[in-house]
């Protein structure tokens, strides 16, 4: 007699976006492939460093994963606008699963050479470049507009939860048996593949695919770039994220801070690296329960300034607890910023261009992460780690304060759910 009320209470505890069957399948796919990727990254890093003890090789793995993105993201965005996005995502997951299985074989053979890991990292980067635009363009076709901000928040919560739990789980499985990490990752990619195939986009999205352009010419491939540049709301939001991460990020310098300033070991470093993700998960859970109601433009500028301020605190801190809290606040603020930006991109972009516009956004985000790590290293070498982080955080605060002068339309955004697609200029 109590089963029905209990089920009702459980259902009420689930974020509204997950009540929609197809978004729930997409969420499962995102979480499982994120968990698999984080698990595999820990094992690959350990094995690669064990081959030669050269930290440069770790950088080469990251570079191999990044290289396909600037080359393939724009064509992949066009592909996501021409064919079924769930099939594009499923194809990328097949490639990811094959990489995991090949890593099982490489590990079983002794894992004594670097080149197989570089080749498989490059293949993994290809899968990510192809699948990500399709995955990121799907949510607006699966949930009503009023639930989109919450849907993107719970998507980010799942991705950040994978960042927190994946490395720990991967390390545990690696300690039991190295091949077990990759075999488990392959199984998780299989779950993600089945979930992707189970998605059924709404009728409007199916009509979009049927009416796609007849040929992927250069003008069609670059339509996302041509749409973003003259649309101040989009261009301002994406560019603000680029500069905030470029100047305000400090993740690349965490090993230096852990050893030389905070005097902690590898476990302490691992906790520091997880702190931004923990803050992001907390913010994401809040956003899924209470979607943003305040004026989104002003809120975006405030949270970017808070992100910069948290980096100033982190750079000046010599106490582990304070540094940990500052990093958690940075992740909390970054989640709000990312949610506002992603929702704005999704709502302002016409569906027939969404894959290509998301691809442009991805290139900007990846460039900010990679170039931000490079900028942090160069600045630390020139002026020292502490001044580099503090000055970068201060620059981020100043950029947020000055941004309304350059992009007043972005600063004037009100409620996100009131945004409507902007028609592409011919």
Protein backbone atom coordinates (compact mmCIF):
# COMPACT_ATOMS: atom_id res chain seq x y z
CA UNK A 1 0.00 0.00 0.00
CA UNK A 2 2.90 2.36 0.59
CA UNK A 3 4.75 1.74 -2.65
CA UNK A 4 2.93 4.38 -4.68
CA UNK A 5 3.45 7.27 -2.20
CA UNK A 6 7.09 6.26 -1.76
CA UNK A 7 7.64 6.21 -5.53
CA UNK A 8 5.98 9.61 -5.71
CA UNK A 9 8.29 11.01 -3.06
CA UNK A 10 11.33 9.57 -4.85
CA UNK A 11 10.17 11.08 -8.13
CA UNK A 12 9.70 14.47 -6.50
CA UNK A 13 13.31 14.26 -5.31
CA UNK A 14 14.59 13.86 -8.90
CA UNK A 15 15.46 17.07 -10.80
CA UNK A 16 12.63 17.94 -13.22
CA UNK A 17 14.78 17.56 -16.35
CA UNK A 18 15.48 13.91 -15.46
CA UNK A 19 11.74 13.20 -15.56
CA UNK A 20 12.10 13.45 -19.34
CA UNK A 21 13.09 10.00 -20.57
CA UNK A 22 15.39 11.07 -23.39
CA UNK A 23 17.33 13.62 -21.36
CA UNK A 24 17.74 10.99 -18.64
CA UNK A 25 19.37 8.67 -21.20
CA UNK A 26 21.65 11.49 -22.35
CA UNK A 27 22.61 12.19 -18.74
CA UNK A 28 23.49 8.55 -18.16
CA UNK A 29 25.62 8.59 -21.32
CA UNK A 30 27.46 11.74 -20.21
CA UNK A 31 28.11 10.46 -16.68
CA UNK A 32 29.29 7.00 -17.72
CA UNK A 33 31.59 8.21 -20.49
CA UNK A 34 32.99 10.91 -18.17
CA UNK A 35 33.62 8.35 -15.45
CA UNK A 36 35.31 6.01 -17.95
CA UNK A 37 37.51 8.79 -19.29
CA UNK A 38 38.63 9.95 -15.84
CA UNK A 39 39.42 6.39 -14.74
CA UNK A 40 41.48 5.73 -17.86
CA UNK A 41 43.33 9.06 -17.55
CA UNK A 42 44.70 8.11 -14.13
CA UNK A 43 45.95 4.75 -15.37
CA UNK A 44 47.47 6.19 -18.57
CA UNK A 45 49.26 8.92 -16.61
CA UNK A 46 50.75 6.41 -14.19
CA UNK A 47 51.88 4.04 -16.93
CA UNK A 48 53.33 6.77 -19.17
CA UNK A 49 55.33 8.32 -16.35
CA UNK A 50 56.57 4.87 -15.31
CA UNK A 51 58.01 4.23 -18.77
CA UNK A 52 60.68 6.96 -18.58
CA UNK A 53 60.05 9.16 -15.56
CA UNK A 54 59.93 12.16 -17.91
CA UNK A 55 57.10 14.62 -17.10
CA UNK A 56 57.30 15.91 -20.69
CA UNK A 57 55.71 12.66 -21.80
CA UNK A 58 52.65 13.48 -19.70
CA UNK A 59 52.42 16.78 -21.55
CA UNK A 60 52.69 14.96 -24.88
CA UNK A 61 49.70 12.79 -23.94
CA UNK A 62 47.65 15.91 -23.21
CA UNK A 63 48.80 17.51 -26.45
CA UNK A 64 47.87 14.40 -28.45
CA UNK A 65 44.37 14.48 -26.96
CA UNK A 66 44.00 18.20 -27.72
CA UNK A 67 45.33 18.32 -31.31
CA UNK A 68 42.23 16.84 -33.04
CA UNK A 69 39.92 19.44 -31.48
CA UNK A 70 40.94 22.59 -33.39
CA UNK A 71 41.16 20.52 -36.58
CA UNK A 72 37.90 18.58 -36.30
CA UNK A 73 35.56 20.60 -34.07
CA UNK A 74 34.12 22.82 -36.82
CA UNK A 75 33.51 19.92 -39.29
CA UNK A 76 32.08 17.86 -36.41
CA UNK A 77 29.70 20.71 -35.58
CA UNK A 78 28.50 20.75 -39.19
CA UNK A 79 28.07 16.96 -39.04
CA UNK A 80 25.94 17.32 -35.89
CA UNK A 81 23.68 19.73 -37.81
CA UNK A 82 23.30 17.41 -40.82
CA UNK A 83 22.70 13.94 -39.36
CA UNK A 84 21.21 12.44 -36.21
CA UNK A 85 23.10 13.79 -33.22
CA UNK A 86 22.49 10.67 -31.17
CA UNK A 87 24.10 8.56 -33.92
CA UNK A 88 27.13 10.87 -34.07
CA UNK A 89 27.50 10.56 -30.29
CA UNK A 90 27.07 6.78 -30.47
CA UNK A 91 29.77 6.51 -33.16
CA UNK A 92 32.19 8.52 -31.01
CA UNK A 93 31.46 6.21 -28.06
CA UNK A 94 32.27 3.17 -30.19
CA UNK A 95 35.66 4.75 -30.91
CA UNK A 96 36.18 5.45 -27.20
CA UNK A 97 35.32 1.85 -26.35
CA UNK A 98 37.82 0.57 -28.92
CA UNK A 99 40.53 2.77 -27.38
CA UNK A 100 39.80 1.31 -23.94
CA UNK A 101 40.00 -2.26 -25.26
CA UNK A 102 43.28 -1.52 -27.05
CA UNK A 103 44.65 -0.11 -23.78
CA UNK A 104 43.83 -3.47 -22.19
CA UNK A 105 45.91 -5.15 -24.89
CA UNK A 106 48.80 -2.65 -24.55
CA UNK A 107 48.84 -3.13 -20.77
CA UNK A 108 48.71 -6.91 -21.02
CA UNK A 109 51.71 -6.76 -23.40
CA UNK A 110 53.79 -4.92 -20.80
CA UNK A 111 53.25 -1.21 -21.64
CA UNK A 112 56.96 -0.55 -22.21
CA UNK A 113 56.78 1.99 -25.06
CA UNK A 114 55.32 5.49 -25.28
CA UNK A 115 54.06 5.48 -28.86
CA UNK A 116 50.98 3.25 -28.33
CA UNK A 117 49.75 5.61 -25.62
CA UNK A 118 50.31 8.63 -27.88
CA UNK A 119 48.45 6.98 -30.76
CA UNK A 120 45.53 6.01 -28.54
CA UNK A 121 45.44 9.47 -26.91
CA UNK A 122 45.19 10.97 -30.40
CA UNK A 123 42.35 8.56 -31.24
CA UNK A 124 40.59 9.47 -28.00
CA UNK A 125 40.93 13.13 -28.95
CA UNK A 126 39.32 12.40 -32.32
CA UNK A 127 36.39 10.71 -30.56
CA UNK A 128 35.95 13.68 -28.24
CA UNK A 129 36.13 16.22 -31.06
CA UNK A 130 33.49 14.34 -33.06
CA UNK A 131 31.12 13.44 -30.24
CA UNK A 132 31.15 16.55 -28.05
CA UNK A 133 29.34 18.99 -30.41
CA UNK A 134 26.54 16.46 -30.88
CA UNK A 135 26.24 15.73 -27.16
CA UNK A 136 26.26 19.41 -26.21
CA UNK A 137 23.70 20.29 -28.89
CA UNK A 138 21.18 17.63 -27.81
CA UNK A 139 19.67 19.00 -24.53
CA UNK A 140 17.58 21.80 -26.12
CA UNK A 141 15.88 19.16 -28.30
CA UNK A 142 15.06 16.91 -25.31
CA UNK A 143 13.54 19.21 -22.65
CA UNK A 144 11.19 22.22 -22.66
CA UNK A 145 12.79 25.66 -22.70
CA UNK A 146 11.82 26.43 -19.11
CA UNK A 147 13.76 23.37 -17.90
CA UNK A 148 16.86 23.89 -20.04
CA UNK A 149 18.94 25.80 -17.47
CA UNK A 150 18.27 23.09 -14.87
CA UNK A 151 19.02 20.39 -17.43
CA UNK A 152 22.40 21.92 -18.27
CA UNK A 153 23.14 22.27 -14.56
CA UNK A 154 22.42 18.59 -13.82
CA UNK A 155 24.48 17.65 -16.89
CA UNK A 156 27.41 19.58 -15.43
CA UNK A 157 26.85 18.01 -12.01
CA UNK A 158 27.19 14.57 -13.57
CA UNK A 159 30.35 15.56 -15.42
CA UNK A 160 31.93 17.12 -12.31
CA UNK A 161 30.95 14.13 -10.16
CA UNK A 162 32.89 11.97 -12.63
CA UNK A 163 35.90 14.28 -12.18
CA UNK A 164 35.70 13.80 -8.39
CA UNK A 165 35.08 10.03 -8.27
CA UNK A 166 36.68 8.76 -11.50
CA UNK A 167 40.35 9.23 -10.56
CA UNK A 168 39.88 7.60 -7.14
CA UNK A 169 38.03 4.63 -8.63
CA UNK A 170 40.60 4.31 -11.41
CA UNK A 171 43.45 4.32 -8.90
CA UNK A 172 41.76 1.62 -6.82
CA UNK A 173 41.16 -0.64 -9.82
CA UNK A 174 44.70 -0.04 -11.09
CA UNK A 175 46.07 -1.19 -7.73
CA UNK A 176 44.08 -4.42 -8.07
CA UNK A 177 45.08 -5.06 -11.69
CA UNK A 178 45.99 -2.46 -14.36
CA UNK A 179 43.94 -4.13 -17.11
CA UNK A 180 40.86 -3.94 -14.88
CA UNK A 181 40.73 -0.14 -15.20
CA UNK A 182 40.50 -0.21 -18.98
CA UNK A 183 38.12 -3.16 -19.06
CA UNK A 184 35.78 -1.32 -16.69
CA UNK A 185 36.10 1.83 -18.81
CA UNK A 186 35.17 -0.17 -21.92
CA UNK A 187 32.06 -1.50 -20.12
CA UNK A 188 31.08 2.04 -19.12
CA UNK A 189 31.51 3.25 -22.70
CA UNK A 190 29.20 0.39 -23.76
CA UNK A 191 26.55 1.61 -21.28
CA UNK A 192 26.93 5.13 -22.67
CA UNK A 193 26.58 3.78 -26.24
CA UNK A 194 23.31 1.97 -25.43
CA UNK A 195 21.99 5.06 -23.65
CA UNK A 196 22.82 7.28 -26.63
CA UNK A 197 20.99 4.95 -29.02
CA UNK A 198 17.94 5.00 -26.73
CA UNK A 199 17.52 8.78 -27.11
CA UNK A 200 14.59 9.87 -29.25
CA UNK A 201 14.80 13.62 -30.08
CA UNK A 202 11.56 15.53 -30.49
CA UNK A 203 9.86 15.76 -33.87
CA UNK A 204 11.28 19.23 -34.58
CA UNK A 205 14.81 17.93 -34.36
CA UNK A 206 14.01 15.08 -36.76
CA UNK A 207 12.64 17.61 -39.22
CA UNK A 208 15.86 19.61 -38.88
CA UNK A 209 17.94 16.61 -39.90
CA UNK A 210 15.71 15.91 -42.88
CA UNK A 211 16.05 19.51 -44.06
CA UNK A 212 19.79 19.90 -43.63
CA UNK A 213 21.86 21.58 -46.32
CA UNK A 214 22.63 19.43 -49.34
CA UNK A 215 26.42 19.81 -49.23
CA UNK A 216 28.97 20.61 -46.51
CA UNK A 217 30.68 23.50 -48.34
CA UNK A 218 33.12 25.86 -46.64
CA UNK A 219 30.43 28.49 -46.09
CA UNK A 220 28.29 25.89 -44.33
CA UNK A 221 31.19 24.69 -42.16
CA UNK A 222 31.94 28.26 -41.06
CA UNK A 223 28.31 29.23 -40.45
CA UNK A 224 28.80 28.87 -36.70
CA UNK A 225 31.71 31.33 -36.74
CA UNK A 226 29.71 33.76 -38.89
CA UNK A 227 26.78 33.53 -36.47
CA UNK A 228 28.76 34.00 -33.24
CA UNK A 229 30.86 37.02 -34.24
CA UNK A 230 28.00 39.49 -34.95
CA UNK A 231 25.82 38.23 -32.07
CA UNK A 232 27.05 40.28 -29.07
CA UNK A 233 25.34 38.15 -26.41
CA UNK A 234 27.08 34.98 -27.63
CA UNK A 235 30.42 36.50 -28.56
CA UNK A 236 30.63 38.42 -25.29
CA UNK A 237 29.79 35.39 -23.14
CA UNK A 238 32.26 33.08 -24.89
CA UNK A 239 35.04 35.68 -24.97
CA UNK A 240 34.53 36.47 -21.26
CA UNK A 241 35.01 32.79 -20.41
CA UNK A 242 38.15 32.69 -22.56
CA UNK A 243 39.78 35.62 -20.77
CA UNK A 244 38.67 34.53 -17.29
CA UNK A 245 40.24 31.08 -17.63
CA UNK A 246 43.23 32.39 -19.60
CA UNK A 247 44.25 34.86 -16.88
CA UNK A 248 42.54 33.51 -13.76
CA UNK A 249 43.22 29.79 -13.92
CA UNK A 250 45.81 28.29 -11.55
CA UNK A 251 45.30 24.54 -11.93
CA UNK A 252 48.50 24.08 -13.93
CA UNK A 253 50.52 25.49 -11.01
CA UNK A 254 48.91 23.34 -8.30
CA UNK A 255 51.89 20.91 -8.04
CA UNK A 256 54.20 23.87 -7.38
CA UNK A 257 51.88 25.38 -4.75
CA UNK A 258 51.38 21.98 -3.09
CA UNK A 259 55.10 21.28 -2.72
CA UNK A 260 56.75 24.68 -2.25
CA UNK A 261 54.09 26.84 -0.56
CA UNK A 262 51.56 24.58 1.15
CA UNK A 263 54.11 21.82 1.90
CA UNK A 264 51.76 18.91 1.25
CA UNK A 265 52.27 15.58 -0.48
CA UNK A 266 50.59 13.85 -3.43
CA UNK A 267 47.43 13.09 -1.46
CA UNK A 268 47.12 16.77 -0.56
CA UNK A 269 47.67 17.68 -4.20
CA UNK A 270 44.91 15.29 -5.24
CA UNK A 271 42.50 16.92 -2.80
CA UNK A 272 43.46 20.37 -4.11
CA UNK A 273 42.76 19.24 -7.67
CA UNK A 274 39.35 17.90 -6.63
CA UNK A 275 38.33 21.05 -4.72
CA UNK A 276 37.08 23.05 -7.76
CA UNK A 277 34.99 20.07 -8.88
CA UNK A 278 33.46 19.76 -5.41
CA UNK A 279 32.51 23.44 -5.48
CA UNK A 280 31.08 22.98 -8.97
CA UNK A 281 28.97 20.00 -7.89
CA UNK A 282 27.50 22.01 -4.99
CA UNK A 283 26.65 24.90 -7.32
CA UNK A 284 25.17 22.53 -9.89
CA UNK A 285 22.92 20.87 -7.32
CA UNK A 286 21.67 24.30 -6.24
CA UNK A 287 20.97 25.26 -9.85
CA UNK A 288 19.03 22.06 -10.52
CA UNK A 289 16.76 22.81 -7.55
CA UNK A 290 16.61 26.57 -7.92
CA UNK A 291 17.32 27.70 -11.48
CA UNK A 292 18.72 31.20 -11.77
CA UNK A 293 16.03 33.86 -11.35
CA UNK A 294 18.23 36.96 -10.99
CA UNK A 295 19.21 38.98 -14.08
CA UNK A 296 21.56 36.59 -15.83
CA UNK A 297 23.86 39.20 -17.39
CA UNK A 298 24.74 40.91 -14.13
CA UNK A 299 25.04 37.56 -12.36
CA UNK A 300 27.51 36.34 -15.00
CA UNK A 301 29.75 39.35 -14.44
CA UNK A 302 29.54 38.98 -10.65
CA UNK A 303 30.48 35.28 -10.63
CA UNK A 304 33.40 35.89 -13.01
CA UNK A 305 34.64 38.58 -10.61
CA UNK A 306 34.19 36.15 -7.69
CA UNK A 307 36.22 33.58 -9.64
CA UNK A 308 39.02 36.10 -10.05
CA UNK A 309 38.84 37.06 -6.37
CA UNK A 310 39.10 33.44 -5.30
CA UNK A 311 42.28 33.12 -7.35
CA UNK A 312 43.75 36.15 -5.59
CA UNK A 313 43.00 34.52 -2.23
CA UNK A 314 44.51 31.23 -3.39
CA UNK A 315 47.65 32.93 -4.65
CA UNK A 316 48.21 34.79 -1.37
CA UNK A 317 47.31 31.91 0.96
CA UNK A 318 49.95 29.94 2.83
CA UNK A 319 47.41 27.84 4.71
CA UNK A 320 46.14 24.60 3.17
CA UNK A 321 42.55 24.99 4.43
CA UNK A 322 42.26 28.52 3.03
CA UNK A 323 43.69 27.43 -0.32
CA UNK A 324 41.28 24.51 -0.44
CA UNK A 325 38.32 26.79 0.29
CA UNK A 326 39.44 29.31 -2.36
CA UNK A 327 39.63 26.58 -5.00
CA UNK A 328 36.18 25.29 -4.02
CA UNK A 329 34.77 28.83 -4.35
CA UNK A 330 36.40 29.12 -7.79
CA UNK A 331 34.66 25.92 -8.91
CA UNK A 332 31.35 27.14 -7.44
CA UNK A 333 31.58 30.46 -9.31
CA UNK A 334 32.76 28.80 -12.52
CA UNK A 335 29.74 26.46 -12.50
CA UNK A 336 27.36 29.45 -12.38
CA UNK A 337 29.31 31.13 -15.18
CA UNK A 338 29.31 27.97 -17.29
CA UNK A 339 25.59 27.39 -16.72
CA UNK A 340 24.68 30.93 -17.79
CA UNK A 341 26.94 30.76 -20.85
CA UNK A 342 25.77 27.30 -21.94
CA UNK A 343 22.09 28.16 -21.50
CA UNK A 344 22.54 31.43 -23.40
CA UNK A 345 24.26 29.63 -26.28
CA UNK A 346 21.55 26.96 -26.37
CA UNK A 347 18.61 29.39 -26.34
CA UNK A 348 19.96 32.13 -28.62
CA UNK A 349 21.20 29.74 -31.34
CA UNK A 350 18.74 28.40 -33.95
CA UNK A 351 18.59 24.60 -33.84
CA UNK A 352 19.83 24.23 -37.42
CA UNK A 353 23.10 25.96 -36.39
CA UNK A 354 23.44 24.63 -32.85
CA UNK A 355 26.05 21.95 -33.59
CA UNK A 356 28.34 24.40 -35.39
CA UNK A 357 27.95 27.13 -32.76
CA UNK A 358 28.66 24.65 -29.94
CA UNK A 359 31.77 23.58 -31.86
CA UNK A 360 32.99 27.20 -31.92
CA UNK A 361 32.31 27.45 -28.18
CA UNK A 362 34.27 24.23 -27.60
CA UNK A 363 37.31 25.57 -29.47
CA UNK A 364 37.26 28.73 -27.33
CA UNK A 365 36.92 26.76 -24.10
CA UNK A 366 39.66 24.31 -24.98
CA UNK A 367 41.92 27.12 -26.13
CA UNK A 368 41.40 28.92 -22.81
CA UNK A 369 42.25 25.78 -20.85
CA UNK A 370 45.37 24.88 -22.85
CA UNK A 371 46.60 28.44 -23.36
CA UNK A 372 45.74 29.26 -19.75
CA UNK A 373 48.02 26.48 -18.54
CA UNK A 374 50.77 27.77 -20.84
CA UNK A 375 50.23 31.39 -19.70
CA UNK A 376 50.39 30.33 -16.06
CA UNK A 377 53.68 28.53 -16.61
CA UNK A 378 55.26 31.42 -18.52
CA UNK A 379 54.06 34.03 -16.01
CA UNK A 380 55.30 31.94 -13.08
CA UNK A 381 58.71 31.62 -14.74
CA UNK A 382 58.91 35.37 -15.33
CA UNK A 383 57.53 36.86 -12.10
CA UNK A 384 57.07 33.91 -9.73
CA UNK A 385 54.09 31.66 -9.03
CA UNK A 386 52.40 33.81 -6.37
CA UNK A 387 52.53 37.10 -8.35
CA UNK A 388 51.40 35.25 -11.49
CA UNK A 389 48.26 33.87 -9.83
CA UNK A 390 47.45 37.09 -7.95
CA UNK A 391 47.91 39.31 -11.02
CA UNK A 392 45.88 36.87 -13.13
CA UNK A 393 43.03 36.93 -10.63
CA UNK A 394 43.13 40.72 -10.48
CA UNK A 395 43.05 40.89 -14.29
CA UNK A 396 39.94 38.69 -14.29
CA UNK A 397 38.18 40.99 -11.80
CA UNK A 398 39.04 44.04 -13.93
CA UNK A 399 37.83 42.33 -17.10
CA UNK A 400 34.48 41.50 -15.46
CA UNK A 401 34.13 45.13 -14.32
CA UNK A 402 34.96 46.53 -17.77
CA UNK A 403 32.94 44.01 -19.82
CA UNK A 404 29.62 45.99 -19.86
CA UNK A 405 31.41 48.73 -21.81
CA UNK A 406 32.26 46.33 -24.61
CA UNK A 407 29.16 44.08 -24.53
CA UNK A 408 26.25 46.03 -23.00
CA UNK A 409 23.73 43.57 -24.51
CA UNK A 410 25.27 40.76 -22.46
CA UNK A 411 25.13 42.78 -19.25
CA UNK A 412 21.45 43.56 -19.86
CA UNK A 413 20.29 39.93 -20.14
CA UNK A 414 17.36 39.33 -17.80
CA UNK A 415 15.78 35.93 -17.20
CA UNK A 416 17.40 33.17 -19.23
CA UNK A 417 14.07 31.56 -20.12
CA UNK A 418 13.04 34.76 -21.92
CA UNK A 419 15.85 34.41 -24.46
CA UNK A 420 14.83 33.42 -27.99
CA UNK A 421 16.79 32.24 -31.03
CA UNK A 422 18.47 34.97 -33.06
CA UNK A 423 17.98 34.52 -36.75
CA UNK A 424 21.19 34.02 -38.69
CA UNK A 425 22.30 36.90 -40.89
CA UNK A 426 22.40 36.08 -44.55
